[in-house]
N, C-alpha and C. Protein backbone atom coordinates (compact mmCIF):
# COMPACT_ATOMS: atom_id res chain seq x y z
N MET A 1 -176.70 99.56 -83.72
CA MET A 1 -175.69 99.85 -82.73
C MET A 1 -175.93 99.35 -81.35
N ALA A 2 -175.17 98.76 -80.77
CA ALA A 2 -175.25 97.91 -79.17
C ALA A 2 -175.57 99.07 -78.26
N HIS A 3 -176.28 98.77 -77.26
CA HIS A 3 -176.52 99.60 -76.33
C HIS A 3 -175.27 99.61 -75.46
N PRO A 4 -174.86 100.84 -74.79
CA PRO A 4 -173.55 101.41 -74.38
C PRO A 4 -173.28 100.31 -73.03
N LEU A 5 -173.91 99.86 -72.45
CA LEU A 5 -173.88 98.76 -71.34
C LEU A 5 -173.35 97.54 -71.87
N PHE A 6 -173.37 97.44 -73.21
CA PHE A 6 -172.86 96.15 -73.64
C PHE A 6 -171.61 96.48 -74.67
N SER A 7 -170.99 97.69 -74.82
CA SER A 7 -170.04 97.81 -75.53
C SER A 7 -169.02 97.18 -75.00
N ARG A 8 -167.98 96.82 -76.01
CA ARG A 8 -166.81 96.11 -75.61
C ARG A 8 -166.02 97.15 -74.45
N GLU A 9 -165.87 98.27 -74.85
CA GLU A 9 -165.29 99.13 -73.59
C GLU A 9 -165.69 99.10 -72.25
N TYR A 10 -167.10 99.15 -72.08
CA TYR A 10 -167.86 99.17 -70.93
C TYR A 10 -167.72 97.67 -70.38
N LYS A 11 -167.62 96.78 -70.91
CA LYS A 11 -167.18 95.51 -70.48
C LYS A 11 -166.01 95.13 -69.81
N ILE A 12 -164.99 95.80 -70.59
CA ILE A 12 -163.69 96.15 -69.73
C ILE A 12 -163.49 96.73 -68.65
N LEU A 13 -164.26 97.98 -68.65
CA LEU A 13 -164.35 98.61 -67.55
C LEU A 13 -164.88 97.81 -66.12
N ARG A 14 -166.17 96.93 -66.69
CA ARG A 14 -166.56 96.19 -65.65
C ARG A 14 -165.63 95.12 -65.07
N GLU A 15 -164.83 94.55 -65.93
CA GLU A 15 -164.11 93.28 -65.64
C GLU A 15 -162.76 94.07 -64.79
N MET A 16 -162.42 95.12 -65.15
CA MET A 16 -161.34 95.66 -64.31
C MET A 16 -161.85 96.05 -62.90
N LEU A 17 -163.03 96.56 -62.64
CA LEU A 17 -163.64 96.58 -61.27
C LEU A 17 -163.44 95.23 -60.73
N VAL A 18 -164.20 94.40 -61.16
CA VAL A 18 -163.95 93.00 -60.56
C VAL A 18 -162.67 92.49 -60.29
N VAL A 19 -161.83 92.74 -61.16
CA VAL A 19 -160.38 92.54 -60.82
C VAL A 19 -159.72 93.45 -59.44
N GLU A 20 -160.06 94.59 -59.49
CA GLU A 20 -159.54 95.41 -58.29
C GLU A 20 -160.26 95.18 -56.90
N ARG A 21 -161.32 94.70 -57.16
CA ARG A 21 -162.03 94.34 -55.78
C ARG A 21 -161.64 92.95 -55.36
N ARG A 22 -161.46 91.91 -56.14
CA ARG A 22 -161.11 90.63 -55.87
C ARG A 22 -159.62 90.95 -55.49
N LYS A 23 -158.50 91.62 -56.12
CA LYS A 23 -157.38 91.82 -55.70
C LYS A 23 -157.24 92.14 -54.29
N ARG A 24 -158.05 92.79 -53.64
CA ARG A 24 -158.10 93.15 -52.31
C ARG A 24 -159.06 92.38 -51.22
N GLY A 25 -159.52 91.33 -52.05
CA GLY A 25 -160.08 90.22 -51.01
C GLY A 25 -161.36 90.70 -50.70
N LEU A 26 -162.05 91.53 -51.26
CA LEU A 26 -163.37 91.94 -51.07
C LEU A 26 -164.39 91.25 -51.91
N THR A 27 -165.54 90.57 -51.18
CA THR A 27 -166.78 90.21 -51.82
C THR A 27 -167.60 91.48 -52.40
N GLN A 28 -168.65 91.07 -53.04
CA GLN A 28 -169.43 92.16 -53.25
C GLN A 28 -170.16 92.53 -52.11
N ILE A 29 -170.60 91.53 -51.13
CA ILE A 29 -171.17 91.76 -49.71
C ILE A 29 -170.34 92.94 -48.79
N ALA A 30 -169.04 92.40 -48.87
CA ALA A 30 -168.03 93.49 -47.91
C ALA A 30 -168.16 94.77 -48.74
N LEU A 31 -167.96 94.76 -49.78
CA LEU A 31 -167.73 96.22 -50.80
C LEU A 31 -169.20 96.86 -50.48
N ALA A 32 -170.38 96.23 -50.34
CA ALA A 32 -171.32 96.83 -50.28
C ALA A 32 -171.74 97.28 -48.84
N LYS A 33 -171.32 96.76 -47.75
CA LYS A 33 -171.37 96.69 -46.55
C LYS A 33 -170.61 98.20 -46.61
N LYS A 34 -169.26 98.34 -46.72
CA LYS A 34 -168.54 99.23 -46.66
C LYS A 34 -169.01 100.74 -47.30
N MET A 35 -169.71 100.54 -48.35
CA MET A 35 -170.15 101.56 -49.09
C MET A 35 -171.91 102.00 -48.46
N LYS A 36 -172.18 100.97 -47.64
CA LYS A 36 -173.48 101.43 -47.09
C LYS A 36 -174.69 101.43 -48.06
N ILE A 37 -174.44 100.18 -49.12
CA ILE A 37 -175.42 100.07 -50.16
C ILE A 37 -175.88 98.52 -50.19
N THR A 38 -176.62 97.91 -51.20
CA THR A 38 -176.99 96.76 -51.27
C THR A 38 -175.88 96.13 -51.98
N GLN A 39 -175.67 95.04 -51.80
CA GLN A 39 -175.02 93.94 -52.61
C GLN A 39 -175.66 93.76 -54.07
N SER A 40 -176.80 93.73 -54.29
CA SER A 40 -177.36 93.88 -55.60
C SER A 40 -176.95 94.96 -56.47
N TYR A 41 -176.78 95.89 -55.90
CA TYR A 41 -176.50 97.17 -56.54
C TYR A 41 -174.96 96.85 -57.13
N ILE A 42 -173.88 96.48 -56.36
CA ILE A 42 -172.62 96.28 -56.80
C ILE A 42 -172.97 94.95 -57.87
N SER A 43 -173.43 94.07 -57.77
CA SER A 43 -173.81 92.95 -58.79
C SER A 43 -174.35 93.48 -60.15
N LYS A 44 -175.33 94.59 -59.72
CA LYS A 44 -175.83 95.36 -61.17
C LYS A 44 -174.69 95.85 -61.86
N ILE A 45 -173.83 96.39 -61.24
CA ILE A 45 -172.77 97.34 -61.77
C ILE A 45 -171.73 96.21 -62.55
N GLU A 46 -171.53 95.56 -61.82
CA GLU A 46 -170.59 94.41 -62.32
C GLU A 46 -171.07 93.64 -63.46
N CYS A 47 -172.43 93.08 -63.49
CA CYS A 47 -172.93 92.41 -64.65
C CYS A 47 -173.31 93.21 -65.61
N GLY A 48 -173.37 94.76 -65.66
CA GLY A 48 -173.73 95.40 -66.76
C GLY A 48 -175.66 95.81 -66.63
N GLU A 49 -175.98 95.43 -65.66
CA GLU A 49 -177.48 95.92 -65.65
C GLU A 49 -177.72 97.16 -65.32
N ARG A 50 -176.61 98.01 -64.63
CA ARG A 50 -176.56 99.15 -63.99
C ARG A 50 -175.41 100.15 -64.70
N ARG A 51 -175.72 101.12 -64.93
CA ARG A 51 -174.59 102.05 -65.59
C ARG A 51 -174.04 102.85 -64.41
N MET A 52 -172.73 103.22 -64.37
CA MET A 52 -172.52 104.10 -63.36
C MET A 52 -171.66 105.49 -63.93
N ASP A 53 -171.92 106.33 -62.98
CA ASP A 53 -171.40 107.75 -63.47
C ASP A 53 -170.04 107.94 -62.86
N VAL A 54 -169.47 108.88 -63.00
CA VAL A 54 -167.89 109.13 -62.67
C VAL A 54 -168.06 109.29 -61.32
N PHE A 55 -168.92 109.85 -60.69
CA PHE A 55 -168.92 109.78 -59.01
C PHE A 55 -169.12 108.70 -58.35
N GLU A 56 -169.96 107.64 -59.05
CA GLU A 56 -170.02 106.33 -58.28
C GLU A 56 -168.63 105.59 -58.92
N LEU A 57 -167.93 105.72 -59.70
CA LEU A 57 -166.49 105.19 -59.99
C LEU A 57 -165.68 105.57 -58.98
N LEU A 58 -165.69 107.19 -58.55
CA LEU A 58 -164.70 107.65 -57.55
C LEU A 58 -165.10 106.80 -56.14
N LYS A 59 -166.54 106.70 -55.92
CA LYS A 59 -166.95 106.13 -54.55
C LYS A 59 -166.26 104.61 -54.51
N LEU A 60 -166.55 103.82 -55.77
CA LEU A 60 -166.28 102.57 -55.61
C LEU A 60 -164.59 102.32 -55.54
N ALA A 61 -163.68 103.46 -56.17
CA ALA A 61 -162.38 103.42 -56.09
C ALA A 61 -162.18 103.78 -54.78
N SER A 62 -162.64 104.47 -53.89
CA SER A 62 -162.36 104.87 -52.62
C SER A 62 -162.64 103.58 -51.62
N ALA A 63 -163.65 102.88 -51.97
CA ALA A 63 -164.00 101.93 -51.11
C ALA A 63 -163.37 100.62 -51.22
N ILE A 64 -162.77 100.43 -52.60
CA ILE A 64 -162.11 99.53 -52.74
C ILE A 64 -160.51 99.41 -52.47
N GLY A 65 -160.04 100.72 -52.73
CA GLY A 65 -158.65 101.30 -52.56
C GLY A 65 -157.83 101.39 -53.57
N PHE A 66 -158.41 101.63 -54.96
CA PHE A 66 -157.49 101.91 -55.73
C PHE A 66 -157.35 103.54 -56.38
N ASP A 67 -156.29 103.72 -57.07
CA ASP A 67 -156.18 105.13 -57.45
C ASP A 67 -157.16 105.14 -58.88
N PRO A 68 -158.00 106.00 -58.82
CA PRO A 68 -159.22 106.26 -59.97
C PRO A 68 -158.38 106.88 -61.13
N ALA A 69 -157.34 107.68 -61.17
CA ALA A 69 -156.46 108.30 -62.21
C ALA A 69 -155.94 107.05 -62.83
N LYS A 70 -155.13 106.17 -62.17
CA LYS A 70 -154.38 105.20 -62.78
C LYS A 70 -155.26 104.25 -63.37
N PHE A 71 -156.43 104.04 -62.85
CA PHE A 71 -157.29 103.02 -63.17
C PHE A 71 -157.82 103.41 -64.79
N VAL A 72 -158.17 104.63 -64.84
CA VAL A 72 -158.88 105.33 -66.07
C VAL A 72 -157.88 105.26 -66.96
N GLY A 73 -156.25 105.45 -66.84
CA GLY A 73 -155.33 105.63 -67.73
C GLY A 73 -155.34 103.96 -68.17
N LYS A 74 -155.11 103.31 -67.31
CA LYS A 74 -154.96 101.80 -67.76
C LYS A 74 -156.36 101.35 -68.56
N LEU A 75 -157.52 101.92 -68.35
CA LEU A 75 -158.88 101.49 -69.02
C LEU A 75 -158.50 102.35 -70.46
N SER A 76 -158.04 103.41 -70.35
CA SER A 76 -157.72 103.88 -71.70
C SER A 76 -156.72 103.33 -72.68
N ARG A 77 -155.77 103.01 -71.94
CA ARG A 77 -154.91 101.86 -73.05
C ARG A 77 -155.60 100.59 -73.26
N GLN A 78 -156.27 100.00 -72.47
CA GLN A 78 -156.93 98.88 -72.85
C GLN A 78 -158.11 98.94 -73.71
N THR A 79 -158.89 100.01 -73.69
CA THR A 79 -159.94 100.24 -74.70
C THR A 79 -159.48 101.07 -76.04
N ARG A 80 -158.26 101.34 -76.00
CA ARG A 80 -157.72 102.33 -76.96
C ARG A 80 -158.46 103.67 -77.35
N PHE A 81 -158.99 104.05 -76.06
CA PHE A 81 -159.36 105.45 -76.20
C PHE A 81 -158.17 106.39 -75.48
N PRO A 82 -157.34 107.17 -76.42
CA PRO A 82 -156.20 107.76 -75.57
C PRO A 82 -156.84 109.01 -74.64
N ILE A 83 -155.98 109.13 -73.83
CA ILE A 83 -156.20 110.31 -73.16
C ILE A 83 -155.18 111.32 -73.22
N SER A 84 -155.29 112.55 -73.52
CA SER A 84 -154.48 113.36 -73.93
C SER A 84 -154.02 114.26 -72.28
N THR A 85 -152.69 114.32 -71.98
CA THR A 85 -152.35 114.96 -70.64
C THR A 85 -152.22 116.46 -71.06
N ARG A 86 -152.24 116.98 -72.08
CA ARG A 86 -152.31 118.38 -72.31
C ARG A 86 -153.49 119.08 -72.86
N LEU A 87 -153.94 120.12 -72.40
CA LEU A 87 -155.08 120.99 -72.69
C LEU A 87 -154.77 121.32 -74.19
N ARG A 88 -155.86 121.49 -74.95
CA ARG A 88 -155.97 121.91 -76.19
C ARG A 88 -156.43 123.27 -76.29
């Protein structure tokens, strides 16, 4: 079994993050400065060398300027991991 960082789903997540960043005209350097982290940190996430947790995703969403809930919904549709809106 492939490492989760190299799964199809994680690749889609990373590609979607790059699209969101580029849509807003942000370079990795500009995003890193905005977040007060290194550019290599952003690069490692985008290249799949570093896994991120949900809180890092929320910080990225805030810094880039996208709605994390809509992002996760789109990710769910693209990866075919359905998200139920009802509690069971």
